[in-house]
C-alpha cells in the first residue's frame, strides 16, 4: 500500500492547488464544503489523513472527484497494478485502488474497493458534480442506499456479480453487513469534471 505520509502530502497539495485555482479563501472553502477551516488547513499541509467522507465533501466544494484527487500525474494508457494509487480510509478501513490510468483525457474512472465487514460510509449530497457510476460486486455482498432529490431512498442488496447503476449527487450509503470483506469495482463516468 502507498506510504500514508506521501499520499497525505499529495492530497493536501491537490486540494490547495484546486482551491487556489478557484481563488477561494479557507473561509469560503469551509462554507462550500462543510469542513472546518482548521481541518482544511491541516489537510492541505499534509498533517492529517482525512476520512473519505471529509475528502468527498472537499472534492464536492472544489468541483472535482475523489478519483481526480488520488490520481497520479501520468498520461500513459497503461497503469500497472504496482503503480496504482492505493488509499485506506482511516474511518471505515476500506481500501481504495485507482485502477484506470490518469491523464489520458478519458471521462471514465475505475476504482477497486475492499470493504471490510461492518464498514459503513455515507457520502454527503452534492449537486455541484454530475457523476454516473456503476457498482459491480466482485466478491462478497454489500448494501447500497441511493438517495433521491425527492427525499425518497432505495436500498439494494448486492451480491457477487450484481451491478447497480446510479447517479451520484443526492448522497448515498454503502454498508457491509456481512462477516467477510467485500470487493467491488466502481466504474465512474464524469461530466465536465477533471
N, C-alpha and C. Protein backbone atom coordinates (compact mmCIF):
# COMPACT_ATOMS: atom_id res chain seq x y z
N UNK A 1 0.83 -1.17 0.00
CA UNK A 1 0.00 0.00 0.00
C UNK A 1 0.88 1.24 0.00
N UNK A 2 0.38 2.29 -0.60
CA UNK A 2 1.10 3.55 -0.71
C UNK A 2 1.45 4.09 0.66
N UNK A 3 2.59 4.74 0.77
CA UNK A 3 3.02 5.39 2.00
C UNK A 3 1.99 6.46 2.37
N UNK A 4 1.40 6.35 3.57
CA UNK A 4 0.34 7.26 4.00
C UNK A 4 0.81 8.70 4.03
N UNK A 5 2.05 8.92 4.43
CA UNK A 5 2.55 10.29 4.51
C UNK A 5 2.66 10.93 3.13
N UNK A 6 3.20 10.20 2.14
CA UNK A 6 3.33 10.77 0.81
C UNK A 6 1.96 10.99 0.17
N UNK A 7 1.00 10.10 0.45
CA UNK A 7 -0.33 10.27 -0.10
C UNK A 7 -1.04 11.45 0.55
N UNK A 8 -0.87 11.63 1.87
CA UNK A 8 -1.45 12.79 2.56
C UNK A 8 -0.89 14.08 1.98
N UNK A 9 0.40 14.08 1.67
CA UNK A 9 1.04 15.26 1.08
C UNK A 9 0.47 15.54 -0.31
N UNK A 10 0.31 14.49 -1.13
CA UNK A 10 -0.26 14.65 -2.47
C UNK A 10 -1.69 15.17 -2.39
N UNK A 11 -2.50 14.59 -1.52
CA UNK A 11 -3.90 15.01 -1.36
C UNK A 11 -3.95 16.47 -0.93
N UNK A 12 -3.15 16.83 0.06
CA UNK A 12 -3.13 18.21 0.53
C UNK A 12 -2.73 19.19 -0.56
N UNK A 13 -1.72 18.82 -1.32
CA UNK A 13 -1.24 19.66 -2.41
C UNK A 13 -2.33 19.86 -3.47
N UNK A 14 -3.01 18.77 -3.83
CA UNK A 14 -4.06 18.86 -4.84
C UNK A 14 -5.21 19.75 -4.38
N UNK A 15 -5.59 19.61 -3.11
CA UNK A 15 -6.69 20.43 -2.59
C UNK A 15 -6.28 21.90 -2.56
N UNK A 16 -5.07 22.18 -2.10
CA UNK A 16 -4.59 23.55 -2.05
C UNK A 16 -4.51 24.17 -3.45
N UNK A 17 -4.00 23.40 -4.41
CA UNK A 17 -3.89 23.89 -5.79
C UNK A 17 -5.26 24.20 -6.39
N UNK A 18 -6.20 23.30 -6.17
CA UNK A 18 -7.55 23.50 -6.72
C UNK A 18 -8.23 24.70 -6.06
N UNK A 19 -8.06 24.84 -4.74
CA UNK A 19 -8.64 25.98 -4.02
C UNK A 19 -8.03 27.28 -4.54
N UNK A 20 -6.72 27.30 -4.77
CA UNK A 20 -6.05 28.50 -5.29
C UNK A 20 -6.53 28.81 -6.71
N UNK A 21 -6.68 27.77 -7.52
CA UNK A 21 -7.15 27.95 -8.89
C UNK A 21 -8.54 28.60 -8.90
N UNK A 22 -9.39 28.21 -7.95
CA UNK A 22 -10.74 28.76 -7.86
C UNK A 22 -10.78 30.07 -7.08
N UNK A 23 -9.61 30.48 -6.57
CA UNK A 23 -9.48 31.72 -5.79
C UNK A 23 -10.42 31.75 -4.59
N UNK A 24 -10.42 30.62 -3.84
CA UNK A 24 -11.24 30.51 -2.64
C UNK A 24 -10.39 30.67 -1.40
N UNK A 25 -10.85 31.47 -0.46
CA UNK A 25 -10.18 31.56 0.82
C UNK A 25 -10.51 30.30 1.63
N UNK A 26 -9.79 30.09 2.72
CA UNK A 26 -10.11 28.96 3.60
C UNK A 26 -11.53 29.09 4.13
N UNK A 27 -11.94 30.29 4.48
CA UNK A 27 -13.30 30.50 4.99
C UNK A 27 -14.35 30.17 3.94
N UNK A 28 -14.12 30.61 2.69
CA UNK A 28 -15.07 30.30 1.61
C UNK A 28 -15.12 28.80 1.36
N UNK A 29 -13.96 28.16 1.40
CA UNK A 29 -13.91 26.71 1.20
C UNK A 29 -14.65 25.98 2.31
N UNK A 30 -14.52 26.45 3.53
CA UNK A 30 -15.21 25.84 4.67
C UNK A 30 -16.72 25.91 4.48
N UNK A 31 -17.22 27.05 4.01
CA UNK A 31 -18.65 27.21 3.77
C UNK A 31 -19.12 26.29 2.64
N UNK A 32 -18.35 26.24 1.55
CA UNK A 32 -18.73 25.40 0.40
C UNK A 32 -18.73 23.91 0.70
N UNK A 33 -17.80 23.48 1.57
CA UNK A 33 -17.62 22.05 1.80
C UNK A 33 -18.24 21.53 3.09
N UNK A 34 -18.47 22.41 4.04
CA UNK A 34 -18.94 21.96 5.35
C UNK A 34 -17.83 21.37 6.20
N UNK A 35 -16.58 21.61 5.81
CA UNK A 35 -15.41 21.14 6.55
C UNK A 35 -14.77 22.37 7.19
N UNK A 36 -14.37 22.24 8.45
CA UNK A 36 -13.85 23.40 9.16
C UNK A 36 -12.59 23.96 8.51
N UNK A 37 -12.40 25.25 8.68
CA UNK A 37 -11.23 25.95 8.16
C UNK A 37 -9.95 25.30 8.69
N UNK A 38 -9.93 24.99 9.97
CA UNK A 38 -8.74 24.38 10.60
C UNK A 38 -8.43 23.02 9.98
N UNK A 39 -9.46 22.21 9.74
CA UNK A 39 -9.25 20.88 9.15
C UNK A 39 -8.73 21.00 7.73
N UNK A 40 -9.30 21.94 6.95
CA UNK A 40 -8.83 22.14 5.58
C UNK A 40 -7.35 22.52 5.59
N UNK A 41 -6.98 23.41 6.48
CA UNK A 41 -5.59 23.85 6.58
C UNK A 41 -4.67 22.68 6.92
N UNK A 42 -5.07 21.84 7.86
CA UNK A 42 -4.26 20.68 8.25
C UNK A 42 -4.14 19.68 7.10
N UNK A 43 -5.22 19.48 6.37
CA UNK A 43 -5.20 18.56 5.23
C UNK A 43 -4.26 19.10 4.15
N UNK A 44 -4.37 20.39 3.85
CA UNK A 44 -3.52 20.99 2.83
C UNK A 44 -2.05 20.91 3.18
N UNK A 45 -1.72 20.94 4.46
CA UNK A 45 -0.32 20.83 4.89
C UNK A 45 0.12 19.37 5.02
N UNK A 46 -0.78 18.42 4.76
CA UNK A 46 -0.43 17.00 4.83
C UNK A 46 -0.28 16.48 6.24
N UNK A 47 -0.86 17.18 7.21
CA UNK A 47 -0.72 16.80 8.61
C UNK A 47 -1.72 15.74 9.07
N UNK A 48 -2.76 15.51 8.28
CA UNK A 48 -3.81 14.59 8.70
C UNK A 48 -4.24 13.72 7.52
N UNK A 49 -4.55 12.47 7.81
CA UNK A 49 -5.09 11.54 6.82
C UNK A 49 -6.61 11.58 6.98
N UNK A 50 -7.29 12.42 6.22
CA UNK A 50 -8.73 12.64 6.36
C UNK A 50 -9.52 11.43 5.88
N UNK A 51 -10.73 11.30 6.39
CA UNK A 51 -11.62 10.20 6.00
C UNK A 51 -12.18 10.45 4.61
N UNK A 52 -12.75 9.41 4.03
CA UNK A 52 -13.35 9.51 2.69
C UNK A 52 -14.50 10.51 2.68
N UNK A 53 -15.26 10.56 3.76
CA UNK A 53 -16.40 11.48 3.83
C UNK A 53 -15.90 12.93 3.80
N UNK A 54 -14.87 13.23 4.56
CA UNK A 54 -14.31 14.59 4.57
C UNK A 54 -13.72 14.93 3.21
N UNK A 55 -12.96 14.02 2.63
CA UNK A 55 -12.38 14.28 1.31
C UNK A 55 -13.45 14.44 0.25
N UNK A 56 -14.53 13.67 0.34
CA UNK A 56 -15.63 13.78 -0.61
C UNK A 56 -16.28 15.16 -0.50
N UNK A 57 -16.45 15.66 0.72
CA UNK A 57 -17.03 17.00 0.90
C UNK A 57 -16.12 18.07 0.30
N UNK A 58 -14.82 17.93 0.51
CA UNK A 58 -13.88 18.89 -0.07
C UNK A 58 -13.93 18.84 -1.59
N UNK A 59 -13.94 17.64 -2.14
CA UNK A 59 -14.00 17.50 -3.60
C UNK A 59 -15.29 18.11 -4.14
N UNK A 60 -16.40 17.89 -3.45
CA UNK A 60 -17.67 18.48 -3.89
C UNK A 60 -17.57 20.00 -3.89
N UNK A 61 -16.97 20.56 -2.86
CA UNK A 61 -16.82 22.01 -2.77
C UNK A 61 -15.88 22.57 -3.82
N UNK A 62 -14.97 21.74 -4.29
CA UNK A 62 -13.99 22.16 -5.30
C UNK A 62 -14.40 21.77 -6.72
N UNK A 63 -15.47 20.97 -6.83
CA UNK A 63 -15.97 20.59 -8.15
C UNK A 63 -15.15 19.56 -8.87
N UNK A 64 -14.51 18.66 -8.12
CA UNK A 64 -13.83 17.53 -8.77
C UNK A 64 -14.01 16.27 -7.95
N UNK A 65 -13.56 15.15 -8.47
CA UNK A 65 -13.86 13.85 -7.88
C UNK A 65 -12.74 13.32 -7.00
N UNK A 66 -13.09 12.32 -6.18
CA UNK A 66 -12.08 11.62 -5.38
C UNK A 66 -11.04 10.98 -6.30
N UNK A 67 -11.47 10.45 -7.43
CA UNK A 67 -10.53 9.83 -8.36
C UNK A 67 -9.50 10.84 -8.84
N UNK A 68 -9.95 12.05 -9.16
CA UNK A 68 -9.01 13.09 -9.60
C UNK A 68 -8.07 13.47 -8.47
N UNK A 69 -8.57 13.43 -7.25
CA UNK A 69 -7.75 13.77 -6.09
C UNK A 69 -6.60 12.79 -5.90
N UNK A 70 -6.85 11.51 -6.09
CA UNK A 70 -5.85 10.48 -5.85
C UNK A 70 -4.99 10.14 -7.06
N UNK A 71 -5.42 10.56 -8.24
CA UNK A 71 -4.72 10.18 -9.47
C UNK A 71 -3.30 10.72 -9.51
N UNK A 72 -2.40 9.89 -9.99
CA UNK A 72 -1.02 10.31 -10.21
C UNK A 72 -0.93 11.03 -11.54
N UNK A 73 0.00 11.95 -11.65
CA UNK A 73 0.20 12.69 -12.90
C UNK A 73 0.87 11.76 -13.91
N UNK A 74 0.10 11.29 -14.87
CA UNK A 74 0.62 10.40 -15.90
C UNK A 74 -0.33 10.42 -17.08
N UNK A 75 0.18 10.22 -18.25
CA UNK A 75 -0.68 10.19 -19.43
C UNK A 75 -0.53 8.89 -20.19
N UNK A 76 0.08 7.89 -19.60
CA UNK A 76 0.25 6.61 -20.26
C UNK A 76 -1.09 5.86 -20.27
N UNK A 77 -1.40 5.16 -21.34
CA UNK A 77 -2.63 4.38 -21.38
C UNK A 77 -2.56 3.10 -20.52
N UNK A 78 -1.36 2.80 -20.00
CA UNK A 78 -1.18 1.60 -19.19
C UNK A 78 -0.79 2.00 -17.77
N UNK A 79 -1.53 1.48 -16.79
CA UNK A 79 -1.20 1.69 -15.38
C UNK A 79 -1.12 0.31 -14.72
N UNK A 80 0.08 -0.14 -14.47
CA UNK A 80 0.29 -1.47 -13.88
C UNK A 80 -0.17 -1.48 -12.43
N UNK A 81 -0.61 -2.66 -11.97
CA UNK A 81 -1.16 -2.79 -10.63
C UNK A 81 -0.23 -2.22 -9.56
N UNK A 82 1.06 -2.47 -9.67
CA UNK A 82 2.01 -1.99 -8.68
C UNK A 82 2.14 -0.47 -8.64
N UNK A 83 1.68 0.21 -9.69
CA UNK A 83 1.77 1.67 -9.76
C UNK A 83 0.43 2.35 -9.47
N UNK A 84 -0.61 1.56 -9.24
CA UNK A 84 -1.93 2.14 -8.99
C UNK A 84 -1.99 2.72 -7.57
N UNK A 85 -2.41 3.99 -7.45
CA UNK A 85 -2.51 4.59 -6.12
C UNK A 85 -3.51 3.85 -5.24
N UNK A 86 -3.10 3.57 -4.00
CA UNK A 86 -3.94 2.86 -3.04
C UNK A 86 -4.04 3.73 -1.79
N UNK A 87 -5.26 3.83 -1.26
CA UNK A 87 -5.51 4.65 -0.09
C UNK A 87 -6.46 3.92 0.84
N UNK A 88 -6.22 4.02 2.14
CA UNK A 88 -7.12 3.39 3.13
C UNK A 88 -7.81 4.47 3.93
N UNK A 89 -9.13 4.40 3.97
CA UNK A 89 -9.93 5.34 4.73
C UNK A 89 -9.72 5.08 6.22
N UNK A 90 -9.24 6.08 6.98
CA UNK A 90 -8.98 5.85 8.39
C UNK A 90 -10.24 5.63 9.22
N UNK A 91 -11.39 6.09 8.74
CA UNK A 91 -12.63 5.94 9.50
C UNK A 91 -13.27 4.56 9.32
N UNK A 92 -13.43 4.10 8.08
CA UNK A 92 -14.13 2.84 7.82
C UNK A 92 -13.17 1.66 7.59
N UNK A 93 -11.91 1.97 7.24
CA UNK A 93 -10.95 0.91 6.94
C UNK A 93 -11.01 0.41 5.51
N UNK A 94 -11.91 0.98 4.70
CA UNK A 94 -11.97 0.49 3.32
C UNK A 94 -10.71 0.90 2.57
N UNK A 95 -10.34 0.06 1.59
CA UNK A 95 -9.15 0.30 0.79
C UNK A 95 -9.59 0.62 -0.64
N UNK A 96 -9.12 1.74 -1.16
CA UNK A 96 -9.49 2.23 -2.48
C UNK A 96 -8.27 2.18 -3.39
N UNK A 97 -8.41 1.54 -4.53
CA UNK A 97 -7.33 1.44 -5.52
C UNK A 97 -7.81 2.12 -6.80
N UNK A 98 -7.04 3.09 -7.28
CA UNK A 98 -7.34 3.78 -8.54
C UNK A 98 -6.79 2.90 -9.66
N UNK A 99 -7.66 2.26 -10.40
CA UNK A 99 -7.27 1.28 -11.41
C UNK A 99 -6.99 1.93 -12.77
N UNK A 100 -7.80 2.88 -13.18
CA UNK A 100 -7.69 3.48 -14.51
C UNK A 100 -6.53 4.46 -14.58
N UNK A 101 -5.79 4.47 -15.68
CA UNK A 101 -4.71 5.45 -15.86
C UNK A 101 -5.25 6.88 -15.85
N UNK A 102 -4.53 7.77 -15.19
CA UNK A 102 -4.92 9.19 -15.13
C UNK A 102 -4.27 9.94 -16.28
N UNK A 103 -4.80 11.10 -16.57
CA UNK A 103 -4.17 11.99 -17.54
C UNK A 103 -4.37 11.60 -18.99
N UNK A 104 -5.27 10.68 -19.25
CA UNK A 104 -5.47 10.24 -20.64
C UNK A 104 -6.58 11.02 -21.34
N UNK A 105 -7.34 11.80 -20.57
CA UNK A 105 -8.46 12.55 -21.13
C UNK A 105 -9.77 11.77 -21.12
N UNK A 106 -9.74 10.54 -20.66
CA UNK A 106 -10.97 9.74 -20.61
C UNK A 106 -11.87 10.21 -19.47
N UNK A 107 -13.19 10.30 -19.71
CA UNK A 107 -14.11 10.68 -18.64
C UNK A 107 -14.45 9.49 -17.72
N UNK A 108 -13.89 8.32 -18.01
CA UNK A 108 -14.19 7.12 -17.23
C UNK A 108 -13.08 6.85 -16.22
N UNK A 109 -13.46 6.60 -14.99
CA UNK A 109 -12.53 6.22 -13.93
C UNK A 109 -12.97 4.86 -13.41
N UNK A 110 -12.00 4.05 -12.99
CA UNK A 110 -12.30 2.74 -12.42
C UNK A 110 -11.60 2.66 -11.07
N UNK A 111 -12.38 2.29 -10.06
CA UNK A 111 -11.87 2.18 -8.70
C UNK A 111 -12.21 0.79 -8.18
N UNK A 112 -11.25 0.16 -7.51
CA UNK A 112 -11.50 -1.12 -6.85
C UNK A 112 -11.54 -0.84 -5.35
N UNK A 113 -12.55 -1.39 -4.68
CA UNK A 113 -12.72 -1.17 -3.24
C UNK A 113 -12.75 -2.50 -2.51
N UNK A 114 -11.97 -2.59 -1.43
CA UNK A 114 -12.07 -3.70 -0.48
C UNK A 114 -12.77 -3.13 0.74
N UNK A 115 -13.95 -3.67 1.03
CA UNK A 115 -14.83 -3.12 2.05
C UNK A 115 -14.92 -4.10 3.23
N UNK A 116 -14.33 -3.76 4.37
CA UNK A 116 -14.28 -4.70 5.49
C UNK A 116 -15.66 -4.98 6.10
N UNK A 117 -15.79 -6.12 6.78
CA UNK A 117 -17.05 -6.45 7.45
C UNK A 117 -17.41 -5.35 8.46
N UNK A 118 -18.69 -5.00 8.48
CA UNK A 118 -19.17 -4.00 9.43
C UNK A 118 -18.93 -2.56 8.99
N UNK A 119 -18.21 -2.35 7.90
CA UNK A 119 -17.90 -0.99 7.45
C UNK A 119 -19.15 -0.34 6.87
N UNK A 120 -19.23 0.95 7.09
CA UNK A 120 -20.33 1.74 6.54
C UNK A 120 -19.81 3.13 6.23
N UNK A 121 -20.25 3.67 5.10
CA UNK A 121 -19.84 5.02 4.72
C UNK A 121 -21.01 5.70 4.01
N UNK A 122 -21.24 6.96 4.37
CA UNK A 122 -22.30 7.75 3.76
C UNK A 122 -21.69 9.00 3.17
N UNK A 123 -21.91 9.19 1.89
CA UNK A 123 -21.41 10.37 1.20
C UNK A 123 -22.47 11.46 1.24
N UNK A 124 -22.04 12.67 1.48
CA UNK A 124 -22.95 13.82 1.56
C UNK A 124 -23.49 14.17 0.18
N UNK A 125 -24.68 14.75 0.14
CA UNK A 125 -25.22 15.19 -1.15
C UNK A 125 -24.35 16.26 -1.78
N UNK A 126 -24.33 16.27 -3.11
CA UNK A 126 -23.59 17.29 -3.85
C UNK A 126 -24.27 17.49 -5.18
N UNK A 127 -24.75 18.68 -5.40
CA UNK A 127 -25.37 19.00 -6.69
C UNK A 127 -24.38 19.70 -7.61
N UNK A 128 -23.14 19.88 -7.14
CA UNK A 128 -22.13 20.56 -7.94
C UNK A 128 -21.42 19.60 -8.89
N UNK A 129 -21.59 18.29 -8.68
CA UNK A 129 -20.91 17.31 -9.51
C UNK A 129 -21.94 16.41 -10.17
N UNK A 130 -21.73 16.10 -11.43
CA UNK A 130 -22.60 15.16 -12.14
C UNK A 130 -21.77 13.91 -12.39
N UNK A 131 -22.09 12.87 -11.67
CA UNK A 131 -21.32 11.64 -11.79
C UNK A 131 -22.28 10.46 -11.94
N UNK A 132 -22.04 9.67 -12.95
CA UNK A 132 -22.79 8.46 -13.19
C UNK A 132 -21.86 7.31 -12.83
N UNK A 133 -22.32 6.36 -12.03
CA UNK A 133 -21.43 5.26 -11.67
C UNK A 133 -22.16 3.93 -11.66
N UNK A 134 -21.36 2.88 -11.90
CA UNK A 134 -21.81 1.51 -11.80
C UNK A 134 -21.02 0.86 -10.67
N UNK A 135 -21.70 0.18 -9.77
CA UNK A 135 -21.05 -0.55 -8.69
C UNK A 135 -21.22 -2.03 -9.01
N UNK A 136 -20.10 -2.72 -9.23
CA UNK A 136 -20.10 -4.12 -9.65
C UNK A 136 -19.42 -4.93 -8.56
N UNK A 137 -20.17 -5.80 -7.91
CA UNK A 137 -19.64 -6.60 -6.80
C UNK A 137 -18.86 -7.79 -7.35
N UNK A 138 -17.59 -7.89 -6.93
CA UNK A 138 -16.70 -8.95 -7.40
C UNK A 138 -16.59 -10.10 -6.38
N UNK A 139 -16.80 -9.76 -5.09
CA UNK A 139 -16.69 -10.77 -4.03
C UNK A 139 -17.50 -10.30 -2.83
N UNK A 140 -18.24 -11.20 -2.21
CA UNK A 140 -19.00 -10.86 -1.02
C UNK A 140 -20.31 -10.17 -1.34
N UNK A 141 -20.78 -9.35 -0.40
CA UNK A 141 -22.06 -8.66 -0.56
C UNK A 141 -22.00 -7.30 0.12
N UNK A 142 -22.73 -6.36 -0.45
CA UNK A 142 -22.84 -5.03 0.15
C UNK A 142 -24.28 -4.54 0.03
N UNK A 143 -24.59 -3.53 0.82
CA UNK A 143 -25.89 -2.88 0.76
C UNK A 143 -25.64 -1.44 0.33
N UNK A 144 -26.38 -0.98 -0.68
CA UNK A 144 -26.21 0.38 -1.16
C UNK A 144 -27.57 1.09 -1.06
N UNK A 145 -27.57 2.25 -0.40
CA UNK A 145 -28.77 3.07 -0.32
C UNK A 145 -28.55 4.29 -1.19
N UNK A 146 -29.43 4.46 -2.16
CA UNK A 146 -29.34 5.55 -3.12
C UNK A 146 -30.43 6.56 -2.79
N UNK A 147 -30.03 7.77 -2.46
CA UNK A 147 -30.97 8.83 -2.14
C UNK A 147 -31.46 9.49 -3.43
N UNK A 148 -32.61 10.14 -3.33
CA UNK A 148 -33.17 10.85 -4.48
C UNK A 148 -33.50 12.28 -4.08
N UNK A 149 -33.61 13.16 -5.06
CA UNK A 149 -33.91 14.57 -4.80
C UNK A 149 -35.23 14.73 -4.06
N UNK A 150 -36.15 13.83 -4.28
CA UNK A 150 -37.47 13.90 -3.64
C UNK A 150 -37.41 13.57 -2.15
N UNK A 151 -36.25 13.09 -1.69
CA UNK A 151 -36.13 12.70 -0.29
C UNK A 151 -36.30 11.20 -0.10
N UNK A 152 -36.83 10.54 -1.11
CA UNK A 152 -37.00 9.09 -1.05
C UNK A 152 -35.64 8.42 -1.23
N UNK A 153 -35.55 7.20 -0.78
CA UNK A 153 -34.31 6.44 -0.95
C UNK A 153 -34.65 5.00 -1.30
N UNK A 154 -33.78 4.36 -2.04
CA UNK A 154 -33.95 2.95 -2.37
C UNK A 154 -32.71 2.21 -1.87
N UNK A 155 -32.93 1.06 -1.24
CA UNK A 155 -31.82 0.25 -0.73
C UNK A 155 -31.74 -1.03 -1.55
N UNK A 156 -30.52 -1.34 -1.97
CA UNK A 156 -30.27 -2.51 -2.80
C UNK A 156 -29.29 -3.44 -2.10
N UNK A 157 -29.60 -4.72 -2.10
CA UNK A 157 -28.70 -5.76 -1.59
C UNK A 157 -27.97 -6.33 -2.80
N UNK A 158 -26.65 -6.16 -2.83
CA UNK A 158 -25.88 -6.61 -3.98
C UNK A 158 -24.97 -7.77 -3.58
N UNK A 159 -25.00 -8.83 -4.36
CA UNK A 159 -24.13 -9.98 -4.16
C UNK A 159 -23.15 -10.10 -5.32
N UNK A 160 -22.29 -11.10 -5.23
CA UNK A 160 -21.27 -11.32 -6.25
C UNK A 160 -21.88 -11.33 -7.65
N UNK A 161 -21.32 -10.51 -8.53
CA UNK A 161 -21.77 -10.43 -9.92
C UNK A 161 -22.83 -9.38 -10.17
N UNK A 162 -23.50 -8.87 -9.12
CA UNK A 162 -24.54 -7.86 -9.30
C UNK A 162 -23.90 -6.52 -9.65
N UNK A 163 -24.62 -5.74 -10.45
CA UNK A 163 -24.14 -4.42 -10.85
C UNK A 163 -25.28 -3.42 -10.72
N UNK A 164 -25.02 -2.33 -10.00
CA UNK A 164 -26.01 -1.27 -9.78
C UNK A 164 -25.54 0.01 -10.44
N UNK A 165 -26.38 0.61 -11.27
CA UNK A 165 -26.09 1.91 -11.86
C UNK A 165 -26.79 2.96 -11.04
N UNK A 166 -26.09 4.07 -10.79
CA UNK A 166 -26.72 5.17 -10.05
C UNK A 166 -26.05 6.49 -10.37
N UNK A 167 -26.80 7.56 -10.20
CA UNK A 167 -26.27 8.91 -10.32
C UNK A 167 -25.85 9.35 -8.94
N UNK A 168 -24.69 9.93 -8.83
CA UNK A 168 -24.21 10.43 -7.56
C UNK A 168 -24.60 11.90 -7.48
N UNK A 169 -25.03 12.32 -6.32
CA UNK A 169 -25.37 13.72 -6.16
C UNK A 169 -26.26 13.96 -4.97
N UNK A 170 -27.15 13.06 -4.69
CA UNK A 170 -28.08 13.25 -3.59
C UNK A 170 -27.56 12.70 -2.26
N UNK A 171 -26.46 11.98 -2.32
CA UNK A 171 -25.93 11.35 -1.10
C UNK A 171 -26.29 9.88 -1.10
N UNK A 172 -25.29 9.02 -0.94
CA UNK A 172 -25.51 7.58 -0.98
C UNK A 172 -24.74 6.92 0.14
N UNK A 173 -25.20 5.74 0.54
CA UNK A 173 -24.56 4.99 1.63
C UNK A 173 -24.17 3.61 1.14
N UNK A 174 -23.02 3.14 1.64
CA UNK A 174 -22.54 1.79 1.37
C UNK A 174 -22.35 1.11 2.72
N UNK A 175 -22.74 -0.18 2.79
CA UNK A 175 -22.59 -0.91 4.05
C UNK A 175 -22.27 -2.37 3.77
N UNK A 176 -21.35 -2.91 4.57
CA UNK A 176 -21.05 -4.34 4.51
C UNK A 176 -21.57 -4.94 5.81
N UNK A 177 -22.75 -5.52 5.75
CA UNK A 177 -23.37 -6.12 6.93
C UNK A 177 -22.90 -7.55 7.16
N UNK A 178 -22.09 -8.06 6.25
CA UNK A 178 -21.63 -9.44 6.36
C UNK A 178 -20.44 -9.60 7.29
N UNK A 179 -19.90 -10.83 7.30
CA UNK A 179 -18.76 -11.17 8.16
C UNK A 179 -17.47 -11.33 7.37
N UNK A 180 -17.54 -11.05 6.05
CA UNK A 180 -16.37 -11.18 5.20
C UNK A 180 -16.14 -9.89 4.42
N UNK A 181 -14.90 -9.64 4.06
CA UNK A 181 -14.58 -8.48 3.25
C UNK A 181 -15.24 -8.61 1.89
N UNK A 182 -15.87 -7.52 1.46
CA UNK A 182 -16.46 -7.47 0.12
C UNK A 182 -15.48 -6.74 -0.79
N UNK A 183 -15.51 -7.07 -2.05
CA UNK A 183 -14.67 -6.40 -3.04
C UNK A 183 -15.56 -6.01 -4.20
N UNK A 184 -15.47 -4.76 -4.60
CA UNK A 184 -16.29 -4.32 -5.72
C UNK A 184 -15.55 -3.29 -6.55
N UNK A 185 -16.00 -3.14 -7.79
CA UNK A 185 -15.44 -2.15 -8.71
C UNK A 185 -16.47 -1.05 -8.88
N UNK A 186 -15.97 0.17 -8.95
CA UNK A 186 -16.82 1.32 -9.24
C UNK A 186 -16.33 1.90 -10.56
N UNK A 187 -17.22 1.94 -11.55
CA UNK A 187 -16.90 2.49 -12.85
C UNK A 187 -17.62 3.84 -12.90
N UNK A 188 -16.84 4.91 -13.01
CA UNK A 188 -17.38 6.27 -12.86
C UNK A 188 -17.24 7.01 -14.20
N UNK A 189 -18.32 7.63 -14.60
CA UNK A 189 -18.29 8.49 -15.78
C UNK A 189 -18.64 9.90 -15.31
N UNK A 190 -17.72 10.83 -15.54
CA UNK A 190 -17.89 12.18 -15.05
C UNK A 190 -18.20 13.12 -16.20
N UNK A 191 -19.11 14.03 -15.97
CA UNK A 191 -19.46 15.01 -16.99
C UNK A 191 -18.89 16.36 -16.60
N UNK A 192 -18.02 16.89 -17.43
CA UNK A 192 -17.49 18.23 -17.23
C UNK A 192 -16.59 18.37 -16.03
N UNK A 193 -15.92 17.30 -15.63
CA UNK A 193 -15.02 17.36 -14.49
C UNK A 193 -13.63 16.97 -14.89
N UNK A 194 -12.67 17.36 -14.07
CA UNK A 194 -11.30 16.92 -14.30
C UNK A 194 -11.00 15.76 -13.41
